[in-house]
Amino acid sequence: MKPLIAALLLALATTVHAEVLPGANVESLLAIAREVSPDLRTSRLEAEAARERIDPAGALPDPLLRIELENITRNGTQEATLSPSRVGDTKYTLAQPLPFWGKRDLKRDIASAEADQASGRASDTWVEVATRIKSLYAQYWLSSRSRQLAREIIELTRQLEKIAQIRYASGLGAQQDAIRAQVERSTMETELVATETEYRQLSAFINAMLARPGDARLAEPLTLRPLPSGLDPGSLNERLVARNPQLGIETARIDGAEKSRDLAYRNRYPDFIVGAVPMQVQDRVESWGVMLEMNIPLQQGTRRSLEREAERLLEAAGARKEALTHRLGGELNAALANLDAARTTEQIASTRL
């Protein structure tokens, strides 16, 4: 009894610690892909990098420090020197560039819109990865069932071949029956080879999507996700407009184009530099000064061209989103038509064939 109990415990421990292979259902593959997909990881990192650019885009420029040594020979009474305490006087200028009001906020908004685009690309990448995995899994499941069916048919043709040979040997059947059974078996064996090859190829494709070695083991597919039912085209189109990541990218692109246009108009106004200027004579600071510097926006022709460019880019972004909305709506309706056709085909195969 004790050896039997020990054997059972060992078998139980082996089962508990056995590796759980992915592939029994599509959810197991999607869970792994969400964590390890190289494409998804790349897009996520790019989105995080874009988020880090928001605050610097609206930050003040670094201040400037300028040191001017004047009369370094003290009217020819000494050798030239760079020591502030020995020259005639030293002027220190500490200046801070100040963009015109509103420009920093617009730059920050533009960077935020670019970050939203990057986040949308990450979401779109996940949709593409998930769609690819779902499609591969459906083909993987079909290949597994086709392989199983081919093996069953080969076993059946093997039995039929034996029966035909016995009948031919007994003079009860024609030779053509035995030959026909052999040909049918050979044909099915050829189909099994093709099915086995397709099964291994699909397994390698799925492993590649999961960043696993191509020959890594997968579990036999057990179930498919049920087909959705009761889909309303109107509500689906509303969800498409509200939640599609590609349209989200274009919405963020339009927002960024609007902010870029506003910034182009805001560039009509000058930027400033303010500063404080202490003056040192020998070892003491004897006087202070202040400064104000500004650029003069005289090149109005150039600025008008930049403004028109920003306007055209905004219009192009709107047109791009409109075209994408129509294209995705067409693809959605085509997919619904294909789904209806697939349901009809399934019904025919189930009830008639």
Protein backbone atom coordinates (compact mmCIF):
# COMPACT_ATOMS: atom_id res chain seq x y z
CA MET A 1 0.00 0.00 0.00
CA LYS A 2 2.75 2.46 0.93
CA PRO A 3 4.59 2.10 -2.42
CA LEU A 4 1.28 2.71 -4.19
CA ILE A 5 0.59 5.86 -2.18
CA ALA A 6 4.12 7.12 -2.84
CA ALA A 7 3.68 6.53 -6.56
CA LEU A 8 0.38 8.41 -6.55
CA LEU A 9 1.92 11.35 -4.67
CA LEU A 10 4.83 11.43 -7.11
CA ALA A 11 2.45 11.44 -10.07
CA LEU A 12 0.41 14.23 -8.48
CA ALA A 13 3.52 16.34 -7.85
CA THR A 14 4.67 15.80 -11.41
CA THR A 15 1.28 16.92 -12.70
CA VAL A 16 1.25 20.04 -10.53
CA HIS A 17 4.71 21.10 -11.64
CA ALA A 18 4.19 20.17 -15.28
CA GLU A 19 4.52 23.01 -17.72
CA VAL A 20 1.18 24.48 -18.78
CA LEU A 21 1.47 24.89 -22.52
CA PRO A 22 -0.32 27.80 -24.20
CA GLY A 23 -2.56 27.18 -27.15
CA ALA A 24 -5.54 25.34 -25.69
CA ASN A 25 -7.56 28.50 -26.28
CA VAL A 26 -6.90 31.87 -27.85
CA GLU A 27 -7.12 33.71 -24.51
CA SER A 28 -3.94 32.00 -23.31
CA LEU A 29 -2.10 33.25 -26.39
CA LEU A 30 -3.43 36.79 -26.05
CA ALA A 31 -2.36 36.95 -22.39
CA ILE A 32 1.21 36.04 -23.31
CA ALA A 33 1.30 38.37 -26.31
CA ARG A 34 0.15 41.31 -24.19
CA GLU A 35 3.24 40.86 -22.01
CA VAL A 36 5.97 39.80 -24.44
CA SER A 37 5.05 40.96 -27.94
CA PRO A 38 8.07 42.88 -29.32
CA ASP A 39 5.86 45.06 -31.55
CA LEU A 40 3.61 45.99 -28.66
CA ARG A 41 6.55 46.65 -26.35
CA THR A 42 8.13 48.92 -28.97
CA SER A 43 4.97 50.98 -29.41
CA ARG A 44 4.46 51.25 -25.65
CA LEU A 45 8.00 52.49 -25.11
CA GLU A 46 7.58 55.03 -27.89
CA ALA A 47 4.35 56.23 -26.24
CA GLU A 48 6.11 56.58 -22.88
CA ALA A 49 8.94 58.50 -24.54
CA ALA A 50 6.41 60.83 -26.17
CA ARG A 51 4.81 61.49 -22.77
CA GLU A 52 8.17 62.51 -21.38
CA ARG A 53 8.41 65.25 -24.02
CA ILE A 54 5.33 67.14 -22.80
CA ASP A 55 6.81 69.00 -19.81
CA PRO A 56 10.08 69.98 -21.54
CA ALA A 57 8.10 71.35 -24.49
CA GLY A 58 6.46 73.97 -22.28
CA ALA A 59 9.43 74.71 -20.03
CA LEU A 60 11.32 77.99 -20.02
CA PRO A 61 14.62 78.00 -21.91
CA ASP A 62 17.77 77.81 -19.81
CA PRO A 63 19.05 81.17 -18.55
CA LEU A 64 22.15 82.70 -20.11
CA LEU A 65 25.27 83.97 -18.35
CA ARG A 66 27.66 86.32 -20.13
CA ILE A 67 30.91 87.68 -18.64
CA GLU A 68 32.63 90.68 -20.25
CA LEU A 69 36.12 91.78 -19.15
CA GLU A 70 36.79 95.38 -20.16
CA ASN A 71 40.10 97.27 -20.27
CA ILE A 72 42.14 94.15 -19.56
CA THR A 73 45.43 96.11 -19.77
CA ARG A 74 44.23 99.01 -17.54
CA ASN A 75 45.04 101.59 -20.20
CA GLY A 76 48.41 99.95 -20.95
CA THR A 77 49.66 100.01 -17.35
CA GLN A 78 49.84 96.21 -17.07
CA GLU A 79 50.03 93.06 -19.08
CA ALA A 80 46.79 91.70 -20.44
CA THR A 81 45.03 89.60 -17.82
CA LEU A 82 41.79 87.66 -17.43
CA SER A 83 41.52 88.11 -13.68
CA PRO A 84 38.26 90.02 -12.88
CA SER A 85 39.93 91.77 -9.92
CA ARG A 86 42.79 93.16 -12.04
CA VAL A 87 40.99 94.39 -15.16
CA GLY A 88 39.34 97.77 -15.49
CA ASP A 89 35.84 96.44 -14.84
CA THR A 90 33.90 93.21 -15.27
CA LYS A 91 30.30 93.03 -16.38
CA TYR A 92 28.15 89.97 -15.62
CA THR A 93 24.92 89.54 -17.55
CA LEU A 94 22.38 86.99 -16.29
CA ALA A 95 19.54 86.78 -18.81
CA GLN A 96 16.36 84.71 -19.09
CA PRO A 97 14.59 84.21 -22.47
CA LEU A 98 10.80 84.64 -22.17
CA PRO A 99 8.58 83.48 -25.04
CA PHE A 100 5.53 85.60 -25.78
CA TRP A 101 2.46 84.86 -23.72
CA GLY A 102 0.74 81.59 -24.70
CA LYS A 103 3.54 80.10 -26.80
CA ARG A 104 4.74 77.73 -24.08
CA ASP A 105 1.21 76.41 -23.50
CA LEU A 106 0.75 75.82 -27.22
CA LYS A 107 4.05 73.94 -27.46
CA ARG A 108 3.01 71.81 -24.50
CA ASP A 109 -0.36 71.09 -26.14
CA ILE A 110 1.37 70.11 -29.39
CA ALA A 111 3.62 67.67 -27.51
CA SER A 112 0.57 66.30 -25.68
CA ALA A 113 -1.21 65.71 -29.00
CA GLU A 114 1.87 63.88 -30.32
CA ALA A 115 1.86 61.75 -27.17
CA ASP A 116 -1.81 60.94 -27.76
CA GLN A 117 -0.91 59.85 -31.28
CA ALA A 118 1.82 57.58 -29.89
CA SER A 119 -0.64 56.10 -27.38
CA GLY A 120 -3.10 55.54 -30.21
CA ARG A 121 -0.41 53.77 -32.23
CA ALA A 122 0.26 51.51 -29.23
CA SER A 123 -3.45 50.65 -29.04
CA ASP A 124 -3.58 50.07 -32.78
CA THR A 125 -0.52 47.83 -32.58
CA TRP A 126 -2.23 45.70 -29.93
CA VAL A 127 -5.33 45.42 -32.13
CA GLU A 128 -3.17 44.26 -35.04
CA VAL A 129 -1.28 41.76 -32.87
CA ALA A 130 -4.47 40.41 -31.30
CA THR A 131 -6.21 40.15 -34.68
CA ARG A 132 -3.25 38.29 -36.15
CA ILE A 133 -3.16 35.86 -33.22
CA LYS A 134 -6.92 35.24 -33.41
CA SER A 135 -6.68 34.55 -37.13
CA LEU A 136 -3.71 32.23 -36.70
CA TYR A 137 -5.41 30.40 -33.85
CA ALA A 138 -8.54 29.81 -35.93
CA GLN A 139 -6.38 28.36 -38.72
CA TYR A 140 -4.43 26.37 -36.11
CA TRP A 141 -7.66 24.91 -34.73
CA LEU A 142 -8.91 24.06 -38.22
CA SER A 143 -5.60 22.43 -39.12
CA SER A 144 -5.69 20.36 -35.94
CA ARG A 145 -9.21 19.14 -36.70
CA SER A 146 -8.34 18.46 -40.34
CA ARG A 147 -5.34 16.43 -39.23
CA GLN A 148 -7.46 14.42 -36.83
CA LEU A 149 -10.12 13.83 -39.49
CA ALA A 150 -7.50 12.80 -42.06
CA ARG A 151 -6.12 10.20 -39.66
CA GLU A 152 -9.59 8.80 -39.03
CA ILE A 153 -10.29 8.59 -42.76
CA ILE A 154 -6.93 6.89 -43.39
CA GLU A 155 -7.79 4.29 -40.77
CA LEU A 156 -11.17 3.78 -42.42
CA THR A 157 -9.62 3.43 -45.89
CA ARG A 158 -7.11 0.97 -44.47
CA GLN A 159 -9.98 -1.22 -43.27
CA LEU A 160 -11.80 -0.83 -46.58
CA GLU A 161 -8.61 -1.80 -48.40
CA LYS A 162 -8.35 -4.99 -46.35
CA ILE A 163 -11.99 -5.82 -47.03
CA ALA A 164 -11.53 -5.20 -50.77
CA GLN A 165 -8.45 -7.42 -50.82
CA ILE A 166 -10.26 -10.21 -48.97
CA ARG A 167 -13.23 -9.98 -51.32
CA TYR A 168 -10.91 -10.00 -54.35
CA ALA A 169 -8.99 -12.99 -52.99
CA SER A 170 -12.26 -14.81 -52.39
CA GLY A 171 -13.52 -14.02 -55.87
CA LEU A 172 -16.34 -11.86 -54.51
CA GLY A 173 -15.01 -8.49 -55.66
CA ALA A 174 -13.25 -6.92 -58.59
CA GLN A 175 -9.58 -6.00 -58.61
CA GLN A 176 -10.55 -2.40 -59.32
CA ASP A 177 -12.16 -2.17 -55.86
CA ALA A 178 -8.87 -3.05 -54.13
CA ILE A 179 -6.93 -0.67 -56.35
CA ARG A 180 -9.45 2.09 -55.76
CA ALA A 181 -9.15 1.62 -52.00
CA GLN A 182 -5.33 1.77 -52.22
CA VAL A 183 -5.48 4.95 -54.31
CA GLU A 184 -7.90 6.55 -51.86
CA ARG A 185 -5.65 5.69 -48.94
CA SER A 186 -2.56 7.07 -50.74
CA THR A 187 -4.47 10.28 -51.53
CA MET A 188 -5.49 10.74 -47.90
CA GLU A 189 -1.95 10.07 -46.70
CA THR A 190 -0.71 12.79 -49.06
CA GLU A 191 -3.33 15.17 -47.68
CA LEU A 192 -2.25 14.26 -44.15
CA VAL A 193 1.34 15.23 -44.99
CA ALA A 194 0.14 18.61 -46.27
CA THR A 195 -2.05 19.08 -43.19
CA GLU A 196 0.81 18.16 -40.85
CA THR A 197 3.05 20.68 -42.62
CA GLU A 198 0.42 23.41 -42.34
CA TYR A 199 -0.06 22.55 -38.65
CA ARG A 200 3.67 22.95 -37.94
CA GLN A 201 3.84 26.18 -39.95
CA LEU A 202 0.94 27.71 -38.03
CA SER A 203 2.53 26.62 -34.76
CA ALA A 204 5.75 28.38 -35.79
CA PHE A 205 3.84 31.56 -36.75
CA ILE A 206 2.03 31.60 -33.40
CA ASN A 207 5.31 31.11 -31.53
CA ALA A 208 6.82 34.00 -33.48
CA MET A 209 3.95 36.25 -32.37
CA LEU A 210 4.70 35.23 -28.77
CA ALA A 211 8.48 35.76 -29.09
CA ARG A 212 9.06 32.02 -28.55
CA PRO A 213 11.28 29.65 -30.52
CA GLY A 214 9.60 28.43 -33.66
CA ASP A 215 9.72 24.80 -32.54
CA ALA A 216 8.39 25.47 -29.02
CA ARG A 217 5.51 23.20 -28.02
CA LEU A 218 1.93 24.40 -28.07
CA ALA A 219 -1.09 22.73 -26.58
CA GLU A 220 -3.63 21.16 -28.87
CA PRO A 221 -6.37 23.72 -29.62
CA LEU A 222 -9.58 22.80 -27.83
CA THR A 223 -12.14 25.50 -28.44
CA LEU A 224 -12.86 28.44 -30.68
CA ARG A 225 -14.38 31.68 -29.48
CA PRO A 226 -18.11 31.74 -30.30
CA LEU A 227 -19.19 33.90 -33.18
CA PRO A 228 -20.87 37.14 -32.04
CA SER A 229 -24.59 37.39 -32.60
CA GLY A 230 -27.12 40.18 -32.62
CA LEU A 231 -24.74 42.75 -34.08
CA ASP A 232 -26.42 46.01 -35.05
CA PRO A 233 -24.62 47.88 -37.86
CA GLY A 234 -25.68 51.27 -36.50
CA SER A 235 -24.32 50.69 -32.99
CA LEU A 236 -21.16 49.13 -34.41
CA ASN A 237 -20.52 52.21 -36.53
CA GLU A 238 -20.95 54.39 -33.46
CA ARG A 239 -18.45 52.26 -31.55
CA LEU A 240 -16.11 52.43 -34.52
CA VAL A 241 -16.10 56.22 -34.49
CA ALA A 242 -15.76 56.43 -30.70
CA ARG A 243 -13.21 53.69 -29.99
CA ASN A 244 -11.21 52.84 -33.10
CA PRO A 245 -7.52 53.56 -32.34
CA GLN A 246 -6.74 54.64 -35.89
CA LEU A 247 -9.45 57.30 -35.71
CA GLY A 248 -8.13 58.25 -32.28
CA ILE A 249 -4.71 58.85 -33.84
CA GLU A 250 -6.24 61.09 -36.50
CA THR A 251 -8.23 63.01 -33.87
CA ALA A 252 -5.01 63.67 -31.95
CA ARG A 253 -3.33 64.67 -35.21
CA ILE A 254 -6.08 67.24 -35.85
CA ASP A 255 -5.71 68.60 -32.32
CA GLY A 256 -1.95 68.94 -32.80
CA ALA A 257 -2.47 70.64 -36.18
CA GLU A 258 -4.86 73.15 -34.58
CA LYS A 259 -2.31 74.00 -31.88
CA SER A 260 0.45 74.30 -34.51
CA ARG A 261 -1.72 76.72 -36.46
CA ASP A 262 -2.37 78.79 -33.33
CA LEU A 263 1.36 78.83 -32.59
CA ALA A 264 2.09 79.99 -36.14
CA TYR A 265 -0.23 82.96 -35.62
CA ARG A 266 1.24 83.62 -32.17
CA ASN A 267 4.70 83.88 -33.76
CA ARG A 268 3.65 87.26 -35.13
CA TYR A 269 4.55 88.63 -31.70
CA PRO A 270 8.10 89.03 -30.37
CA ASP A 271 9.91 87.01 -27.73
CA PHE A 272 11.84 88.69 -24.94
CA ILE A 273 15.04 88.32 -22.95
CA VAL A 274 15.27 90.03 -19.54
CA GLY A 275 18.35 90.16 -17.38
CA ALA A 276 20.30 91.71 -14.53
CA VAL A 277 23.79 93.16 -15.09
CA PRO A 278 26.10 93.66 -12.06
CA MET A 279 29.42 95.47 -12.77
CA GLN A 280 32.55 94.63 -10.82
CA VAL A 281 35.51 96.98 -10.35
CA GLN A 282 38.48 95.20 -8.78
CA ASP A 283 37.03 93.27 -5.82
CA ARG A 284 33.66 94.96 -5.40
CA VAL A 285 30.43 95.36 -7.32
CA GLU A 286 29.92 99.08 -7.82
CA SER A 287 26.81 99.26 -9.99
CA TRP A 288 23.85 97.30 -11.31
CA GLY A 289 21.94 97.40 -14.54
CA VAL A 290 18.92 95.71 -16.09
CA MET A 291 18.35 94.71 -19.69
CA LEU A 292 15.44 93.95 -21.99
CA GLU A 293 15.98 92.37 -25.38
CA MET A 294 13.37 91.39 -27.96
CA ASN A 295 13.31 90.15 -31.52
CA ILE A 296 11.55 92.29 -34.10
CA PRO A 297 9.20 90.17 -36.29
CA LEU A 298 9.80 91.99 -39.56
CA GLN A 299 9.73 88.97 -41.91
CA GLN A 300 5.96 89.00 -42.23
CA GLY A 301 5.98 87.30 -45.65
CA THR A 302 7.74 84.28 -44.18
CA ARG A 303 5.32 84.19 -41.27
CA ARG A 304 2.30 84.34 -43.56
CA SER A 305 3.65 81.38 -45.52
CA LEU A 306 4.10 79.40 -42.30
CA GLU A 307 0.57 80.31 -41.26
CA ARG A 308 -0.85 79.12 -44.58
CA GLU A 309 1.16 75.93 -44.28
CA ALA A 310 -0.32 75.30 -40.83
CA GLU A 311 -3.83 75.91 -42.18
CA ARG A 312 -3.35 73.48 -45.05
CA LEU A 313 -1.93 70.82 -42.69
CA LEU A 314 -4.98 71.19 -40.47
CA GLU A 315 -7.30 70.78 -43.45
CA ALA A 316 -5.31 67.75 -44.60
CA ALA A 317 -5.61 66.16 -41.15
CA GLY A 318 -9.38 66.63 -41.22
CA ALA A 319 -9.64 65.18 -44.73
CA ARG A 320 -7.47 62.22 -43.71
CA LYS A 321 -9.74 61.43 -40.78
CA GLU A 322 -12.84 61.71 -42.95
CA ALA A 323 -11.39 59.35 -45.57
CA LEU A 324 -10.33 56.88 -42.87
CA THR A 325 -13.80 56.97 -41.31
CA HIS A 326 -15.40 56.08 -44.66
CA ARG A 327 -12.86 53.33 -45.35
CA LEU A 328 -13.23 51.72 -41.91
CA GLY A 329 -17.01 51.94 -42.20
CA GLY A 330 -16.84 50.10 -45.50
CA GLU A 331 -14.56 47.44 -44.04
CA LEU A 332 -16.93 47.00 -41.11
CA ASN A 333 -19.94 46.48 -43.37
CA ALA A 334 -17.93 44.06 -45.52
CA ALA A 335 -16.93 42.12 -42.39
CA LEU A 336 -20.58 41.90 -41.33
CA ALA A 337 -21.50 40.56 -44.76
CA ASN A 338 -18.72 37.97 -44.52
CA LEU A 339 -19.98 36.99 -41.06
CA ASP A 340 -23.48 36.44 -42.38
CA ALA A 341 -22.09 34.32 -45.21
CA ALA A 342 -20.01 32.29 -42.75
CA ARG A 343 -23.09 31.63 -40.58
CA THR A 344 -25.05 30.47 -43.64
CA THR A 345 -22.20 28.19 -44.70
CA GLU A 346 -21.96 26.77 -41.19
CA GLN A 347 -25.68 26.08 -41.14
CA ILE A 348 -25.53 24.31 -44.51
CA ALA A 349 -22.58 22.20 -43.40
CA SER A 350 -24.26 21.31 -40.12
CA THR A 351 -27.79 20.54 -41.35
CA ARG A 352 -27.30 19.26 -44.91
CA LEU A 353 -23.79 17.90 -45.45
